[in-house]
Amino acid sequence: MIKKKIGKNNTYFFENFLQYKDIFHFISTKEWGNLGFHVGDDPKKVLENRKNISSSLKIPFSNFVFANQVHGKNIAVITAKEKGRGSISQEDAIESMDGLITKEKNICLMILVADCVPILIFDPVKKVIAAIHAGRKGTSLQIAKEAVKTFKEKFKSNPKDLVIGLGPSIGPCHYEVDLWEENKKQLIKSGVLAKNIEESKICTYCNKSEFFSARGEGETGLSVSQASLLVDQSGAVGTRALRAGRFAVGIILKLEDNI
């Protein structure tokens, strides 16, 4: 992974995704502020932080899609009619889903995490992207395997073509389950090539100065993980939340040079 400034805020990127000009992705840090409505934070501040990302990354706010994540293995196929779902309020988020997948351009798939594993997937052949939330329960339910299955069944993808990024999350150094290794195993057993999987190996607990960590901090804010078929203000202010927070990871298929 590499880190660079977007405006004033540090942002991370998977190196294996940067070779593809038809997608954009990012992983937010604490500098972007809390991005989760459901942790007891001031909704106005959360909305301000989300709009800050939209402005800074030049991704239209109405193109974001958020899910109501429930630590399951369900994955929703997203189309243009879902644009904007969950952006303004939690109540409007895609219900009971822990994965979002689309082949449509300029839809920004957003996953919120704070210790759970954010997984971004891109099929450069079929031009399909996905953002997956894999916590302990979701990993046990094999959501990574389910994601590959969805690519195959819904979009006729060849698992060998899939490019994967496993984002910052709690590591085996501070958790009883090695979520990194378990999700990687599921992907490889599903036919994904090991060489196509980039692992951040960044533990959120060890790096609480940059990422929200539910286990490491208790009360925190949420960062966001975003994925979109190409679409992208900084200086978002971190806000105090009443529950564990999240950071974001995302990817988007773009329309030519609109980002």
Protein backbone atom coordinates (compact mmCIF):
# COMPACT_ATOMS: atom_id res chain seq x y z
CA MET A 1 0.00 0.00 0.00
CA ILE A 2 0.99 3.60 -0.44
CA LYS A 3 -0.03 6.71 1.48
CA LYS A 4 -0.45 10.19 0.09
CA LYS A 5 -2.23 13.43 0.90
CA ILE A 6 -5.59 14.23 -0.62
CA GLY A 7 -5.99 17.87 0.28
CA LYS A 8 -4.85 17.97 3.91
CA ASN A 9 -5.68 14.38 4.78
CA ASN A 10 -3.61 11.21 4.59
CA THR A 11 -5.24 8.58 2.40
CA TYR A 12 -4.15 5.04 1.53
CA PHE A 13 -4.22 3.18 -1.78
CA PHE A 14 -3.58 -0.39 -2.93
CA GLU A 15 -0.63 -0.47 -5.30
CA ASN A 16 -2.07 -3.33 -7.35
CA PHE A 17 -5.14 -1.22 -8.20
CA LEU A 18 -3.19 1.84 -9.33
CA GLN A 19 -2.23 0.23 -12.63
CA TYR A 20 -5.87 0.31 -13.75
CA LYS A 21 -6.97 3.64 -15.20
CA ASP A 22 -10.66 2.72 -15.25
CA ILE A 23 -11.05 2.54 -11.47
CA PHE A 24 -10.45 4.80 -8.50
CA HIS A 25 -10.26 3.66 -4.90
CA PHE A 26 -9.26 4.97 -1.49
CA ILE A 27 -8.94 4.12 2.19
CA SER A 28 -9.69 6.95 4.57
CA THR A 29 -7.84 7.68 7.81
CA LYS A 30 -8.88 9.38 11.03
CA GLU A 31 -8.00 12.71 9.46
CA TRP A 32 -11.17 12.44 7.39
CA GLY A 33 -13.23 12.16 10.56
CA ASN A 34 -16.00 9.81 11.63
CA LEU A 35 -18.08 8.60 8.68
CA GLY A 36 -20.64 6.44 10.49
CA PHE A 37 -24.11 7.64 11.48
CA HIS A 38 -24.79 4.65 13.73
CA VAL A 39 -22.24 5.26 16.49
CA GLY A 40 -23.97 8.06 18.37
CA ASP A 41 -22.09 10.92 16.75
CA ASP A 42 -23.70 14.21 15.72
CA PRO A 43 -25.36 13.41 12.36
CA LYS A 44 -24.56 16.90 11.08
CA LYS A 45 -20.85 16.34 11.68
CA VAL A 46 -20.93 12.93 10.01
CA LEU A 47 -22.70 14.38 6.99
CA GLU A 48 -20.17 17.22 6.87
CA ASN A 49 -17.30 14.71 6.86
CA ARG A 50 -18.91 12.64 4.11
CA LYS A 51 -19.48 15.71 1.97
CA ASN A 52 -15.87 16.68 2.61
CA ILE A 53 -14.71 13.40 1.07
CA SER A 54 -17.10 13.87 -1.83
CA SER A 55 -15.74 17.34 -2.56
CA SER A 56 -12.07 16.44 -2.08
CA LEU A 57 -12.21 13.30 -4.19
CA LYS A 58 -14.53 14.87 -6.77
CA ILE A 59 -17.09 12.09 -6.41
CA PRO A 60 -20.65 13.41 -6.61
CA PHE A 61 -22.28 12.89 -3.21
CA SER A 62 -25.36 11.46 -4.89
CA ASN A 63 -23.22 8.62 -6.31
CA PHE A 64 -22.32 7.13 -2.91
CA VAL A 65 -23.99 3.91 -1.77
CA PHE A 66 -23.79 2.66 1.83
CA ALA A 67 -25.05 -0.59 3.35
CA ASN A 68 -26.55 -1.32 6.73
CA GLN A 69 -23.84 -3.83 7.69
CA VAL A 70 -24.95 -6.71 9.94
CA HIS A 71 -21.93 -9.06 10.05
CA GLY A 72 -23.50 -11.50 7.62
CA LYS A 73 -22.53 -12.75 4.17
CA ASN A 74 -25.19 -11.18 1.97
CA ILE A 75 -23.98 -9.21 -1.03
CA ALA A 76 -26.16 -6.78 -3.00
CA VAL A 77 -25.85 -6.13 -6.71
CA ILE A 78 -26.05 -2.34 -7.04
CA THR A 79 -27.54 -0.49 -10.02
CA ALA A 80 -28.13 3.17 -10.84
CA LYS A 81 -31.44 3.19 -8.99
CA GLU A 82 -29.57 2.64 -5.69
CA LYS A 83 -27.35 5.71 -6.11
CA GLY A 84 -27.36 7.83 -2.98
CA ARG A 85 -28.72 5.11 -0.66
CA GLY A 86 -27.44 5.56 2.88
CA SER A 87 -25.52 8.74 2.10
CA ILE A 88 -27.69 11.15 4.08
CA SER A 89 -29.08 8.80 6.73
CA GLN A 90 -28.55 5.28 8.07
CA GLU A 91 -32.24 4.51 7.63
CA ASP A 92 -31.94 4.70 3.85
CA ALA A 93 -28.90 2.40 3.57
CA ILE A 94 -29.05 -0.88 1.66
CA GLU A 95 -30.59 -3.18 4.27
CA SER A 96 -28.77 -6.11 5.89
CA MET A 97 -25.85 -6.33 3.48
CA ASP A 98 -22.12 -6.74 4.06
CA GLY A 99 -21.06 -6.57 0.46
CA LEU A 100 -21.82 -4.33 -2.51
CA ILE A 101 -21.01 -5.20 -6.11
CA THR A 102 -21.63 -3.40 -9.40
CA LYS A 103 -20.65 -3.26 -13.05
CA GLU A 104 -22.11 0.22 -13.52
CA LYS A 105 -19.87 3.25 -13.73
CA ASN A 106 -19.85 6.18 -11.35
CA ILE A 107 -21.43 4.30 -8.46
CA CYS A 108 -19.29 4.67 -5.37
CA LEU A 109 -19.58 1.61 -3.12
CA MET A 110 -18.87 2.47 0.50
CA ILE A 111 -17.97 0.11 3.35
CA LEU A 112 -17.46 1.30 6.94
CA VAL A 113 -14.95 -0.50 9.14
CA ALA A 114 -13.00 -0.27 12.39
CA ASP A 115 -11.06 -3.54 12.93
CA CYS A 116 -13.10 -5.65 10.48
CA VAL A 117 -11.40 -6.47 7.18
CA PRO A 118 -12.39 -4.28 4.22
CA ILE A 119 -11.98 -6.19 0.97
CA LEU A 120 -11.95 -4.48 -2.42
CA ILE A 121 -12.29 -6.59 -5.56
CA PHE A 122 -11.91 -5.66 -9.22
CA ASP A 123 -12.39 -7.76 -12.33
CA PRO A 124 -10.43 -5.89 -15.04
CA VAL A 125 -11.85 -8.18 -17.74
CA LYS A 126 -15.57 -7.93 -16.97
CA LYS A 127 -15.23 -4.45 -15.41
CA VAL A 128 -16.93 -5.28 -12.12
CA ILE A 129 -16.06 -3.97 -8.64
CA ALA A 130 -17.03 -4.90 -5.10
CA ALA A 131 -16.55 -3.68 -1.54
CA ILE A 132 -16.84 -6.30 1.21
CA HIS A 133 -17.06 -6.03 5.02
CA ALA A 134 -15.52 -9.10 6.66
CA GLY A 135 -15.58 -9.15 10.45
CA ARG A 136 -15.19 -12.22 12.62
CA LYS A 137 -18.71 -13.48 11.97
CA GLY A 138 -18.67 -12.61 8.28
CA THR A 139 -15.33 -14.36 7.91
CA SER A 140 -16.75 -17.42 9.68
CA LEU A 141 -19.68 -17.33 7.25
CA GLN A 142 -17.13 -17.17 4.40
CA ILE A 143 -18.19 -13.87 2.91
CA ALA A 144 -14.97 -13.69 0.86
CA LYS A 145 -15.88 -17.00 -0.77
CA GLU A 146 -19.42 -15.71 -1.29
CA ALA A 147 -18.04 -12.62 -3.02
CA VAL A 148 -16.09 -14.68 -5.55
CA LYS A 149 -19.17 -16.84 -6.09
CA THR A 150 -21.20 -13.70 -6.82
CA PHE A 151 -18.65 -12.52 -9.38
CA LYS A 152 -18.84 -15.90 -11.10
CA GLU A 153 -22.60 -16.37 -11.05
CA LYS A 154 -23.78 -12.81 -11.67
CA PHE A 155 -21.05 -11.52 -13.97
CA LYS A 156 -19.38 -14.65 -15.41
CA SER A 157 -16.02 -13.63 -13.94
CA ASN A 158 -13.03 -15.94 -13.90
CA PRO A 159 -11.61 -15.95 -10.32
CA LYS A 160 -8.10 -15.92 -11.80
CA ASP A 161 -8.81 -12.45 -13.21
CA LEU A 162 -9.85 -10.92 -9.90
CA VAL A 163 -7.59 -8.33 -8.27
CA ILE A 164 -8.00 -8.07 -4.50
CA GLY A 165 -7.05 -5.63 -1.75
CA LEU A 166 -7.27 -6.58 1.94
CA GLY A 167 -7.31 -3.31 3.85
CA PRO A 168 -6.25 -2.19 7.32
CA SER A 169 -7.92 -4.19 10.09
CA ILE A 170 -7.12 -5.74 13.42
CA GLY A 171 -4.20 -8.12 13.13
CA PRO A 172 -3.42 -11.48 14.74
CA CYS A 173 -1.14 -9.58 17.10
CA HIS A 174 -4.20 -8.20 18.90
CA TYR A 175 -7.02 -10.59 18.02
CA GLU A 176 -7.68 -14.25 18.68
CA VAL A 177 -8.63 -14.93 15.06
CA ASP A 178 -6.27 -14.25 12.14
CA LEU A 179 -8.80 -12.50 9.93
CA TRP A 180 -6.13 -11.66 7.36
CA GLU A 181 -5.11 -15.27 6.78
CA GLU A 182 -8.64 -16.67 6.94
CA ASN A 183 -9.96 -14.32 4.26
CA LYS A 184 -6.91 -14.86 2.08
CA LYS A 185 -7.40 -18.64 2.31
CA GLN A 186 -11.04 -18.33 1.29
CA LEU A 187 -10.11 -16.28 -1.75
CA ILE A 188 -7.36 -18.65 -2.88
CA LYS A 189 -9.57 -21.72 -2.36
CA SER A 190 -12.17 -19.97 -4.51
CA GLY A 191 -9.69 -19.71 -7.39
CA VAL A 192 -8.16 -16.28 -6.86
CA LEU A 193 -4.44 -16.17 -7.62
CA ALA A 194 -2.26 -15.42 -4.59
CA LYS A 195 -0.22 -12.97 -6.67
CA ASN A 196 -3.38 -10.93 -7.27
CA ILE A 197 -4.04 -10.38 -3.56
CA GLU A 198 -2.48 -7.33 -1.92
CA GLU A 199 -2.49 -7.44 1.87
CA SER A 200 -2.10 -4.17 3.72
CA LYS A 201 -0.79 -5.94 6.86
CA ILE A 202 -1.71 -2.76 8.74
CA CYS A 203 -3.19 -3.52 12.16
CA THR A 204 -5.77 -0.94 13.20
CA TYR A 205 -5.12 -1.66 16.90
CA CYS A 206 -1.39 -1.01 16.45
CA ASN A 207 -2.05 2.09 14.37
CA LYS A 208 -4.78 3.85 16.37
CA SER A 209 -3.25 7.21 15.51
CA GLU A 210 -4.30 6.71 11.87
CA PHE A 211 -7.25 4.32 11.94
CA PHE A 212 -10.30 3.85 14.12
CA SER A 213 -10.14 0.66 16.20
CA ALA A 214 -13.18 -0.67 18.03
CA ARG A 215 -11.12 -2.96 20.24
CA GLY A 216 -8.27 -0.54 20.69
CA GLU A 217 -10.30 2.57 21.49
CA GLY A 218 -13.74 1.49 22.59
CA GLU A 219 -15.46 4.78 21.80
CA THR A 220 -14.41 6.06 18.41
CA GLY A 221 -15.62 7.16 15.00
CA LEU A 222 -16.04 5.37 11.68
CA SER A 223 -13.85 5.63 8.64
CA VAL A 224 -15.21 4.64 5.26
CA SER A 225 -14.23 2.19 2.59
CA GLN A 226 -15.47 3.04 -0.85
CA ALA A 227 -15.59 1.28 -4.15
CA SER A 228 -16.99 2.65 -7.38
CA LEU A 229 -16.82 2.18 -11.14
CA LEU A 230 -14.82 5.32 -11.87
CA VAL A 231 -15.93 8.40 -10.25
CA ASP A 232 -13.31 10.82 -6.48
CA GLN A 233 -13.08 18.48 0.73
CA SER A 234 -10.49 17.50 2.78
CA GLY A 235 -9.76 18.67 6.29
CA ALA A 236 -12.66 16.72 7.76
CA VAL A 237 -12.74 17.01 11.50
CA GLY A 238 -12.68 13.86 13.61
CA THR A 239 -15.66 13.78 15.94
CA ARG A 240 -16.42 12.09 19.23
CA ALA A 241 -18.68 9.06 18.95
CA LEU A 242 -20.50 7.05 21.60
CA ARG A 243 -19.68 3.68 20.10
CA ALA A 244 -16.86 2.12 18.17
CA GLY A 245 -16.29 4.04 14.94
CA ARG A 246 -15.35 3.19 11.36
CA PHE A 247 -13.04 4.27 8.55
CA ALA A 248 -13.76 3.83 4.86
CA VAL A 249 -12.39 1.83 1.97
CA GLY A 250 -13.69 2.33 -1.54
CA ILE A 251 -13.42 1.70 -5.27
CA ILE A 252 -15.23 3.08 -8.32
CA LEU A 253 -15.36 2.35 -12.07
CA LYS A 254 -14.90 5.64 -13.87
CA LEU A 255 -16.29 7.43 -16.84
CA GLU A 256 -13.23 8.37 -18.82
CA ASP A 257 -11.46 11.25 -17.03
CA ASN A 258 -14.21 12.52 -14.77
CA ILE A 259 -12.00 12.17 -11.66
